[in-house]
């Protein structure tokens, strides 16, 4: 499940973005990843998006 929007993956394991934020593993769907690419690359936690 996407940690940002709650989208659930269907079928085989998706190619979602993985992030480790304050020791907590999180996965983000393709749409959320694209929408927040600069923040992800800048290593900002999701609370800053």
C-alpha atoms as a PDB file:
ATOM      1  CA  UNK A   1       0.000   0.000   0.000  1.00  0.00           C
ATOM      2  CA  UNK A   2       1.252   3.491  -0.871  1.00  0.00           C
ATOM      3  CA  UNK A   3       2.293   5.394   2.260  1.00  0.00           C
ATOM      4  CA  UNK A   4       1.099   8.671   0.716  1.00  0.00           C
ATOM      5  CA  UNK A   5      -2.234   8.054  -1.032  1.00  0.00           C
ATOM      6  CA  UNK A   6      -3.215   4.576   0.162  1.00  0.00           C
ATOM      7  CA  UNK A   7      -3.327   2.980  -3.301  1.00  0.00           C
ATOM      8  CA  UNK A   8      -3.089  -0.801  -3.078  1.00  0.00           C
ATOM      9  CA  UNK A   9      -0.932  -2.782  -5.474  1.00  0.00           C
ATOM     10  CA  UNK A  10      -2.712  -5.307  -7.657  1.00  0.00           C
ATOM     11  CA  UNK A  11      -1.050  -8.313  -9.273  1.00  0.00           C
ATOM     12  CA  UNK A  12       2.705  -8.926  -9.093  1.00  0.00           C
ATOM     13  CA  UNK A  13       4.941  -6.838  -6.871  1.00  0.00           C
ATOM     14  CA  UNK A  14       4.986  -3.276  -8.248  1.00  0.00           C
ATOM     15  CA  UNK A  15       8.044  -1.201  -9.054  1.00  0.00           C
ATOM     16  CA  UNK A  16       7.282   1.440  -6.464  1.00  0.00           C
ATOM     17  CA  UNK A  17       9.700   3.816  -4.767  1.00  0.00           C
ATOM     18  CA  UNK A  18      11.112   2.650  -1.422  1.00  0.00           C
ATOM     19  CA  UNK A  19      12.102   5.128   1.260  1.00  0.00           C
ATOM     20  CA  UNK A  20      13.429   4.715   4.796  1.00  0.00           C
ATOM     21  CA  UNK A  21      12.165   7.624   6.892  1.00  0.00           C
ATOM     22  CA  UNK A  22      13.289   7.878  10.511  1.00  0.00           C
ATOM     23  CA  UNK A  23      13.855   4.119  10.493  1.00  0.00           C
ATOM     24  CA  UNK A  24      10.397   3.360   9.061  1.00  0.00           C
ATOM     25  CA  UNK A  25      10.239   1.654   5.641  1.00  0.00           C
ATOM     26  CA  UNK A  26       7.710   3.218   3.240  1.00  0.00           C
ATOM     27  CA  UNK A  27       6.612   2.474  -0.311  1.00  0.00           C
ATOM     28  CA  UNK A  28       5.180   5.054  -2.721  1.00  0.00           C
ATOM     29  CA  UNK A  29       3.147   4.327  -5.852  1.00  0.00           C
ATOM     30  CA  UNK A  30       4.312   5.475  -9.279  1.00  0.00           C
ATOM     31  CA  UNK A  31       2.002   8.504  -9.295  1.00  0.00           C
ATOM     32  CA  UNK A  32       3.083   9.776  -5.862  1.00  0.00           C
ATOM     33  CA  UNK A  33       6.713   9.116  -6.777  1.00  0.00           C
ATOM     34  CA  UNK A  34       6.442  11.180  -9.980  1.00  0.00           C
ATOM     35  CA  UNK A  35       4.528  13.985  -8.268  1.00  0.00           C
ATOM     36  CA  UNK A  36       7.158  14.294  -5.511  1.00  0.00           C
ATOM     37  CA  UNK A  37      10.369  13.318  -7.303  1.00  0.00           C
ATOM     38  CA  UNK A  38      12.374  16.386  -6.281  1.00  0.00           C
ATOM     39  CA  UNK A  39      11.519  15.954  -2.604  1.00  0.00           C
ATOM     40  CA  UNK A  40      12.392  12.250  -2.773  1.00  0.00           C
ATOM     41  CA  UNK A  41      15.729  12.931  -4.472  1.00  0.00           C
ATOM     42  CA  UNK A  42      16.435  15.653  -1.909  1.00  0.00           C
ATOM     43  CA  UNK A  43      15.769  13.027   0.788  1.00  0.00           C
ATOM     44  CA  UNK A  44      13.001  15.072   2.402  1.00  0.00           C
ATOM     45  CA  UNK A  45      10.659  13.017   4.587  1.00  0.00           C
ATOM     46  CA  UNK A  46       7.084  12.772   3.300  1.00  0.00           C
ATOM     47  CA  UNK A  47       5.876  15.254   5.938  1.00  0.00           C
ATOM     48  CA  UNK A  48       7.685  17.992   3.917  1.00  0.00           C
ATOM     49  CA  UNK A  49       6.002  17.198   0.597  1.00  0.00           C
END
